[in-house]
Protein backbone atom coordinates (compact mmCIF):
# COMPACT_ATOMS: atom_id res chain seq x y z
CA UNK A 1 -15.30 -37.13 -4.56
CA UNK A 2 -12.37 -37.64 -2.18
CA UNK A 3 -9.91 -37.82 -5.09
CA UNK A 4 -11.21 -34.46 -6.33
CA UNK A 5 -10.77 -32.92 -2.87
CA UNK A 6 -7.21 -34.22 -2.69
CA UNK A 7 -6.48 -32.63 -6.07
CA UNK A 8 -8.03 -29.29 -5.06
CA UNK A 9 -6.17 -29.25 -1.74
CA UNK A 10 -2.87 -29.90 -3.52
CA UNK A 11 -3.52 -27.22 -6.12
CA UNK A 12 -4.49 -24.65 -3.50
CA UNK A 13 -1.48 -25.54 -1.35
CA UNK A 14 0.78 -24.96 -4.37
CA UNK A 15 -0.85 -21.59 -5.09
CA UNK A 16 -0.48 -20.51 -1.47
CA UNK A 17 3.16 -21.60 -1.39
CA UNK A 18 3.80 -19.66 -4.61
CA UNK A 19 1.86 -16.66 -3.27
CA UNK A 20 -0.38 -16.86 -6.33
CA UNK A 21 -3.51 -15.00 -5.27
CA UNK A 22 -5.32 -15.07 -8.63
CA UNK A 23 -7.88 -17.52 -7.20
CA UNK A 24 -7.89 -16.29 -3.61
CA UNK A 25 -11.66 -15.82 -3.66
CA UNK A 26 -12.21 -19.45 -4.60
CA UNK A 27 -9.66 -20.63 -2.06
CA UNK A 28 -11.39 -18.56 0.62
CA UNK A 29 -14.74 -20.15 -0.13
CA UNK A 30 -13.21 -23.63 -0.19
CA UNK A 31 -11.45 -23.27 3.15
CA UNK A 32 -14.45 -21.61 4.78
CA UNK A 33 -17.29 -23.76 3.44
CA UNK A 34 -15.75 -27.11 2.52
CA UNK A 35 -12.73 -27.52 4.79
CA UNK A 36 -14.14 -25.38 7.61
CA UNK A 37 -10.79 -23.75 8.33
CA UNK A 38 -11.91 -20.22 9.17
CA UNK A 39 -8.50 -18.87 10.20
CA UNK A 40 -6.98 -19.79 6.83
CA UNK A 41 -10.09 -18.58 5.01
CA UNK A 42 -9.81 -15.26 6.86
CA UNK A 43 -6.16 -14.80 5.83
CA UNK A 44 -7.02 -15.63 2.23
CA UNK A 45 -9.98 -13.24 2.21
CA UNK A 46 -7.76 -10.41 3.39
CA UNK A 47 -5.15 -11.31 0.79
CA UNK A 48 -7.86 -11.45 -1.86
CA UNK A 49 -8.79 -7.84 -1.14
CA UNK A 50 -5.30 -6.77 -2.16
CA UNK A 51 -5.97 -8.29 -5.60
CA UNK A 52 -9.66 -7.59 -6.19
CA UNK A 53 -12.29 -5.52 -4.40
CA UNK A 54 -15.57 -6.33 -6.07
CA UNK A 55 -18.73 -6.36 -3.93
CA UNK A 56 -18.55 -10.16 -3.81
CA UNK A 57 -15.01 -9.99 -2.40
CA UNK A 58 -16.05 -7.50 0.26
CA UNK A 59 -19.01 -9.68 1.28
CA UNK A 60 -16.78 -12.73 1.50
CA UNK A 61 -14.25 -10.88 3.66
CA UNK A 62 -17.08 -9.72 5.94
CA UNK A 63 -18.37 -13.30 6.14
CA UNK A 64 -14.96 -14.62 7.20
CA UNK A 65 -14.59 -11.81 9.74
CA UNK A 66 -18.00 -12.61 11.25
CA UNK A 67 -17.29 -16.36 11.29
CA UNK A 68 -13.94 -15.78 12.97
CA UNK A 69 -15.51 -13.37 15.50
CA UNK A 70 -18.24 -15.89 16.33
CA UNK A 71 -15.62 -18.60 16.91
CA UNK A 72 -13.63 -16.32 19.20
CA UNK A 73 -16.74 -15.49 21.20
CA UNK A 74 -17.50 -19.19 21.61
CA UNK A 75 -14.14 -19.84 23.28
CA UNK A 76 -14.07 -19.92 27.07
CA UNK A 77 -12.86 -16.71 28.62
CA UNK A 78 -9.98 -16.71 31.11
CA UNK A 79 -11.40 -13.67 32.88
CA UNK A 80 -14.90 -14.75 33.78
CA UNK A 81 -17.95 -16.85 32.96
CA UNK A 82 -18.92 -14.90 29.86
CA UNK A 83 -17.24 -12.91 27.17
CA UNK A 84 -18.49 -9.44 26.34
CA UNK A 85 -18.25 -8.06 22.80
CA UNK A 86 -16.93 -4.53 22.45
CA UNK A 87 -19.34 -2.23 20.62
């Protein structure tokens, strides 16, 4: 299993370096669900929308946005004891 992950990581790193977004949807899922790197997954989801905009792509972008938002809300605020979300 670990050898497969190493191979996938290397392949995705090469695609990102080459700005090859053909598999951006798959990379987004990998970095969000397997690697748990939401910031990278978010950037890939946005990039993916420039290549394809199927309902699945839109849902994935929304998922990364929500995940990223939830992480930001969980961070301590410098201005007070709690963080308020703008409506």
